[in-house]
Amino acid sequence: MAKTQGAEAKRMVADMNGGMNCQWLDARTTKDNLVCDGWCSPDTYDSFFKPITYGPAVYLFMLHKMETFNEVIIAYVGMSTTLRQRLRGHNILPELSRPGYWPMRWFKPIEKQKLRDIERQYIHKFDPPWNIVGRCRGVTLQ
């Protein structure tokens, strides 16, 4: 996996949504780490552009603050055996599409038998606020 993001790339924001903290990250560092770890995105003109695959992959939604595009949060991590179909009607995207924020889709092709384990690793690594096992979904976006 990508190298651990240092303290300089992380900034805690105020307590949001009933006690859950949200970590906003430095956008450039976060993107560089994802690219080094084999992630790509259909939502860019950058060198890490790749069309969405039809096959199995883990994916994430990176939420950008549009004011400067310098801060991001890994909002959601998921997996699918047919990524293109899964992303087409994902129910999280409307929640992330708020004024002042832009959700960027990322994916990493993975062998089908490894999907759950890899997804679990990334959920543990990023602790995305829209992954709701055992808690309320999301954070308050202001």
Protein backbone atom coordinates (compact mmCIF):
# COMPACT_ATOMS: atom_id res chain seq x y z
CA MET A 1 0.00 0.00 0.00
CA ALA A 2 0.99 3.62 -0.33
CA LYS A 3 3.28 5.04 2.29
CA THR A 4 1.52 6.25 5.40
CA GLN A 5 0.43 9.84 5.07
CA GLY A 6 2.42 11.97 7.48
CA ALA A 7 1.06 14.32 10.07
CA GLU A 8 1.84 17.28 7.79
CA ALA A 9 -0.70 15.92 5.27
CA LYS A 10 -3.48 15.54 7.84
CA ARG A 11 -5.52 18.13 9.63
CA MET A 12 -8.29 17.43 12.07
CA VAL A 13 -11.37 19.55 11.63
CA ALA A 14 -13.93 20.45 14.25
CA ASP A 15 -16.02 17.73 15.82
CA MET A 16 -18.75 16.96 13.30
CA ASN A 17 -21.89 14.88 13.33
CA GLY A 18 -22.26 13.79 16.94
CA GLY A 19 -18.69 13.17 18.00
CA MET A 20 -17.20 11.78 14.80
CA ASN A 21 -14.03 13.53 13.65
CA CYS A 22 -13.25 13.96 10.00
CA GLN A 23 -9.69 14.05 8.66
CA TRP A 24 -9.16 16.43 5.78
CA LEU A 25 -5.97 15.57 3.91
CA ASP A 26 -3.60 17.42 1.65
CA ALA A 27 -4.94 16.78 -1.87
CA ARG A 28 -1.62 16.47 -3.71
CA THR A 29 -0.04 14.13 -1.15
CA THR A 30 -3.15 11.95 -1.03
CA LYS A 31 -3.36 11.68 -4.82
CA ASP A 32 0.36 10.94 -5.14
CA ASN A 33 0.08 8.16 -2.54
CA LEU A 34 -2.91 6.61 -4.31
CA VAL A 35 -1.16 6.68 -7.68
CA CYS A 36 1.96 5.07 -6.18
CA ASP A 37 -0.31 2.35 -4.80
CA GLY A 38 -1.83 1.56 -8.22
CA TRP A 39 -5.04 3.60 -8.08
CA CYS A 40 -6.42 5.46 -11.10
CA SER A 41 -9.38 7.72 -11.83
CA PRO A 42 -11.78 8.34 -14.71
CA ASP A 43 -12.34 11.89 -13.40
CA THR A 44 -9.08 13.57 -14.39
CA TYR A 45 -6.92 14.65 -17.30
CA ASP A 46 -3.82 13.83 -15.27
CA SER A 47 -1.42 10.93 -15.90
CA PHE A 48 -3.41 8.64 -13.59
CA PHE A 49 -6.49 8.74 -15.86
CA LYS A 50 -7.98 5.38 -16.77
CA PRO A 51 -11.49 4.50 -17.99
CA ILE A 52 -13.61 2.58 -15.51
CA THR A 53 -12.95 -1.15 -15.76
CA TYR A 54 -15.68 -3.72 -16.31
CA GLY A 55 -14.00 -6.20 -13.97
CA PRO A 56 -13.43 -6.50 -10.23
CA ALA A 57 -11.95 -3.57 -8.34
CA VAL A 58 -11.91 -1.68 -5.08
CA TYR A 59 -13.01 1.92 -5.41
CA LEU A 60 -13.20 5.06 -3.34
CA PHE A 61 -14.80 8.46 -3.48
CA MET A 62 -12.45 11.34 -2.65
CA LEU A 63 -14.35 14.46 -1.68
CA HIS A 64 -12.66 17.76 -2.63
CA LYS A 65 -13.33 21.13 -1.07
CA MET A 66 -13.91 23.18 -4.22
CA GLU A 67 -12.87 26.46 -2.59
CA THR A 68 -9.19 25.67 -3.17
CA PHE A 69 -9.07 21.96 -4.16
CA ASN A 70 -6.19 21.64 -1.66
CA GLU A 71 -8.09 19.53 0.88
CA VAL A 72 -9.74 16.14 0.42
CA ILE A 73 -11.31 13.40 2.46
CA ILE A 74 -11.59 9.75 1.52
CA ALA A 75 -15.35 9.66 1.97
CA TYR A 76 -16.20 6.08 1.00
CA VAL A 77 -14.42 2.83 0.11
CA GLY A 78 -16.16 -0.08 -1.61
CA MET A 79 -15.60 -3.07 -3.85
CA SER A 80 -17.37 -4.63 -6.79
CA THR A 81 -17.00 -7.58 -9.12
CA THR A 82 -18.40 -5.42 -11.96
CA LEU A 83 -17.18 -1.91 -11.24
CA ARG A 84 -18.73 -0.05 -14.19
CA GLN A 85 -22.19 -1.31 -13.27
CA ARG A 86 -21.71 -0.55 -9.56
CA LEU A 87 -20.59 3.04 -10.08
CA ARG A 88 -23.36 3.79 -12.54
CA GLY A 89 -26.04 3.94 -9.85
CA HIS A 90 -24.17 4.29 -6.57
CA ASN A 91 -26.39 5.66 -3.79
CA ILE A 92 -23.55 7.51 -2.01
CA LEU A 93 -22.73 9.89 -4.87
CA PRO A 94 -25.87 12.05 -4.45
CA GLU A 95 -25.01 12.47 -0.75
CA LEU A 96 -21.51 13.65 -1.66
CA SER A 97 -22.61 16.00 -4.44
CA ARG A 98 -23.16 19.12 -2.37
CA PRO A 99 -22.46 22.75 -3.23
CA GLY A 100 -18.80 23.49 -2.58
CA TYR A 101 -17.65 19.84 -2.77
CA TRP A 102 -16.67 17.59 -5.67
CA PRO A 103 -16.59 13.78 -5.40
CA MET A 104 -13.78 12.22 -7.44
CA ARG A 105 -14.01 8.51 -8.24
CA TRP A 106 -10.92 6.30 -7.93
CA PHE A 107 -10.47 2.58 -8.49
CA LYS A 108 -7.87 -0.14 -8.28
CA PRO A 109 -8.35 -3.39 -10.22
CA ILE A 110 -8.06 -6.39 -7.87
CA GLU A 111 -8.42 -10.14 -8.33
CA LYS A 112 -11.97 -11.16 -7.48
CA GLN A 113 -10.97 -13.51 -4.65
CA LYS A 114 -9.02 -10.71 -2.90
CA LEU A 115 -11.69 -8.00 -3.07
CA ARG A 116 -13.11 -8.25 0.46
CA ASP A 117 -9.71 -8.39 2.14
CA ILE A 118 -8.33 -5.45 0.15
CA GLU A 119 -11.51 -3.40 0.72
CA ARG A 120 -11.26 -4.09 4.47
CA GLN A 121 -7.63 -2.92 4.48
CA TYR A 122 -8.50 0.38 2.82
CA ILE A 123 -11.50 0.97 5.09
CA HIS A 124 -9.22 0.44 8.06
CA LYS A 125 -6.54 2.72 6.57
CA PHE A 126 -8.80 5.64 5.60
CA ASP A 127 -11.71 5.27 8.09
CA PRO A 128 -14.13 6.83 5.56
CA PRO A 129 -17.11 8.57 7.17
CA TRP A 130 -19.65 7.26 4.63
CA ASN A 131 -18.81 3.61 5.38
CA ILE A 132 -21.46 3.08 8.04
CA VAL A 133 -20.85 -0.22 9.79
CA GLY A 134 -21.69 0.59 13.40
CA ARG A 135 -22.10 4.36 13.04
CA CYS A 136 -24.04 7.19 11.39
CA ARG A 137 -23.22 7.87 7.76
CA GLY A 138 -21.28 10.92 6.66
CA VAL A 139 -20.29 14.20 8.20
CA THR A 140 -21.93 17.59 8.15
CA LEU A 141 -20.63 19.51 5.14
CA GLN A 142 -20.66 23.26 5.65
